[in-house]
Amino acid sequence: MQTIAEEKWKALYMQGEEAWAEHRRLDYPVLATAKDALTGTGIPKRLGYGATTASANKANHDAAVAKVSGYSQDSKVWWDTK
């Protein structure tokens, strides 16, 4: 699985979001965390909600944020069980 995942990750060069999604899905390749990361403690597990989401749909926005432990990029998406 590791070899296949790493080759697919390489094949997705210049397709950053797709490569990131594959990394989250398979946990390969093993990536190092940036030393000067602005937020979070590692490779982001999820994207945050945009600034306009809170103002446009406050009730649902607040409920969603409560379910995923706030705005942390380190909280996993619902399907990430590893």
C-alpha atoms as a PDB file:
ATOM      1  CA  MET A   1       0.000   0.000   0.000  1.00  0.00           C
ATOM      2  CA  GLN A   2       2.817   2.395   0.867  1.00  0.00           C
ATOM      3  CA  THR A   3       4.507   2.042  -2.524  1.00  0.00           C
ATOM      4  CA  ILE A   4       1.262   2.538  -4.423  1.00  0.00           C
ATOM      5  CA  ALA A   5       0.314   5.553  -2.309  1.00  0.00           C
ATOM      6  CA  GLU A   6       3.710   7.193  -2.767  1.00  0.00           C
ATOM      7  CA  GLU A   7       3.658   6.687  -6.537  1.00  0.00           C
ATOM      8  CA  LYS A   8       0.172   8.145  -6.789  1.00  0.00           C
ATOM      9  CA  TRP A   9       1.260  11.115  -4.640  1.00  0.00           C
ATOM     10  CA  LYS A  10       4.191  11.707  -7.031  1.00  0.00           C
ATOM     11  CA  ALA A  11       1.877  11.436 -10.043  1.00  0.00           C
ATOM     12  CA  LEU A  12      -0.254  14.232  -8.578  1.00  0.00           C
ATOM     13  CA  TYR A  13       2.623  16.718  -8.786  1.00  0.00           C
ATOM     14  CA  MET A  14       1.228  20.203  -9.558  1.00  0.00           C
ATOM     15  CA  GLN A  15      -2.212  19.094  -8.318  1.00  0.00           C
ATOM     16  CA  GLY A  16      -1.764  20.148  -4.704  1.00  0.00           C
ATOM     17  CA  GLU A  17      -5.269  19.653  -3.337  1.00  0.00           C
ATOM     18  CA  GLU A  18      -5.596  16.225  -4.933  1.00  0.00           C
ATOM     19  CA  ALA A  19      -2.191  15.153  -3.558  1.00  0.00           C
ATOM     20  CA  TRP A  20      -3.169  16.471  -0.115  1.00  0.00           C
ATOM     21  CA  ALA A  21      -6.433  14.513  -0.230  1.00  0.00           C
ATOM     22  CA  GLU A  22      -4.596  11.310  -1.155  1.00  0.00           C
ATOM     23  CA  HIS A  23      -2.118  11.861   1.662  1.00  0.00           C
ATOM     24  CA  ARG A  24      -4.984  12.274   4.129  1.00  0.00           C
ATOM     25  CA  ARG A  25      -6.764   9.219   2.753  1.00  0.00           C
ATOM     26  CA  LEU A  26      -3.821   6.803   2.822  1.00  0.00           C
ATOM     27  CA  ASP A  27      -1.387   8.420   5.326  1.00  0.00           C
ATOM     28  CA  TYR A  28       1.464   8.007   2.834  1.00  0.00           C
ATOM     29  CA  PRO A  29       3.962   9.359   2.083  1.00  0.00           C
ATOM     30  CA  VAL A  30       5.157  10.217   5.561  1.00  0.00           C
ATOM     31  CA  LEU A  31       5.673  13.985   5.400  1.00  0.00           C
ATOM     32  CA  ALA A  32       7.617  16.237   7.743  1.00  0.00           C
ATOM     33  CA  THR A  33       5.907  19.182   9.381  1.00  0.00           C
ATOM     34  CA  ALA A  34       7.145  22.627   8.402  1.00  0.00           C
ATOM     35  CA  LYS A  35       9.281  24.178  11.138  1.00  0.00           C
ATOM     36  CA  ASP A  36       7.743  27.613  10.592  1.00  0.00           C
ATOM     37  CA  ALA A  37       4.083  26.558  10.305  1.00  0.00           C
ATOM     38  CA  LEU A  38       1.713  29.449  10.914  1.00  0.00           C
ATOM     39  CA  THR A  39      -1.053  27.423  12.547  1.00  0.00           C
ATOM     40  CA  GLY A  40      -1.650  23.906  13.781  1.00  0.00           C
ATOM     41  CA  THR A  41       0.776  21.251  14.897  1.00  0.00           C
ATOM     42  CA  GLY A  42       1.222  19.198  11.747  1.00  0.00           C
ATOM     43  CA  ILE A  43       0.020  18.572   8.225  1.00  0.00           C
ATOM     44  CA  PRO A  44      -3.508  20.037   8.091  1.00  0.00           C
ATOM     45  CA  LYS A  45      -6.291  17.477   8.349  1.00  0.00           C
ATOM     46  CA  ARG A  46      -9.068  19.813   7.185  1.00  0.00           C
ATOM     47  CA  LEU A  47      -9.712  23.218   5.683  1.00  0.00           C
ATOM     48  CA  GLY A  48     -11.251  25.877   7.875  1.00  0.00           C
ATOM     49  CA  TYR A  49     -14.541  27.585   7.245  1.00  0.00           C
ATOM     50  CA  GLY A  50     -14.366  30.865   5.341  1.00  0.00           C
ATOM     51  CA  ALA A  51     -14.975  34.193   7.048  1.00  0.00           C
ATOM     52  CA  THR A  52     -18.276  34.773   5.260  1.00  0.00           C
ATOM     53  CA  THR A  53     -19.723  31.427   6.334  1.00  0.00           C
ATOM     54  CA  ALA A  54     -20.166  32.565   9.933  1.00  0.00           C
ATOM     55  CA  SER A  55     -21.973  35.744   8.980  1.00  0.00           C
ATOM     56  CA  ALA A  56     -24.156  34.203   6.263  1.00  0.00           C
ATOM     57  CA  ASN A  57     -25.344  31.146   8.212  1.00  0.00           C
ATOM     58  CA  LYS A  58     -24.443  31.632  11.876  1.00  0.00           C
ATOM     59  CA  ALA A  59     -26.620  28.918  13.448  1.00  0.00           C
ATOM     60  CA  ASN A  60     -25.413  26.115  11.186  1.00  0.00           C
ATOM     61  CA  HIS A  61     -21.849  27.438  11.229  1.00  0.00           C
ATOM     62  CA  ASP A  62     -21.715  27.363  15.043  1.00  0.00           C
ATOM     63  CA  ALA A  63     -23.199  23.853  15.142  1.00  0.00           C
ATOM     64  CA  ALA A  64     -20.648  22.571  12.616  1.00  0.00           C
ATOM     65  CA  VAL A  65     -17.721  24.159  14.444  1.00  0.00           C
ATOM     66  CA  ALA A  66     -18.874  22.557  17.711  1.00  0.00           C
ATOM     67  CA  LYS A  67     -18.942  19.108  16.085  1.00  0.00           C
ATOM     68  CA  VAL A  68     -15.359  19.359  14.765  1.00  0.00           C
ATOM     69  CA  SER A  69     -13.719  20.777  17.896  1.00  0.00           C
ATOM     70  CA  GLY A  70     -13.502  24.354  16.697  1.00  0.00           C
ATOM     71  CA  TYR A  71     -11.451  25.884  13.939  1.00  0.00           C
ATOM     72  CA  SER A  72      -8.373  23.733  14.415  1.00  0.00           C
ATOM     73  CA  GLN A  73      -6.827  22.423  11.229  1.00  0.00           C
ATOM     74  CA  ASP A  74      -5.681  19.447  13.295  1.00  0.00           C
ATOM     75  CA  SER A  75      -9.199  18.087  13.888  1.00  0.00           C
ATOM     76  CA  LYS A  76      -9.988  15.210  11.572  1.00  0.00           C
ATOM     77  CA  VAL A  77     -12.756  15.039   8.998  1.00  0.00           C
ATOM     78  CA  TRP A  78     -15.551  12.577   9.785  1.00  0.00           C
ATOM     79  CA  TRP A  79     -14.205   9.796   7.561  1.00  0.00           C
ATOM     80  CA  ASP A  80     -10.604   9.922   8.847  1.00  0.00           C
ATOM     81  CA  THR A  81     -10.553   7.035  11.311  1.00  0.00           C
ATOM     82  CA  LYS A  82      -6.821   6.226  11.449  1.00  0.00           C
END
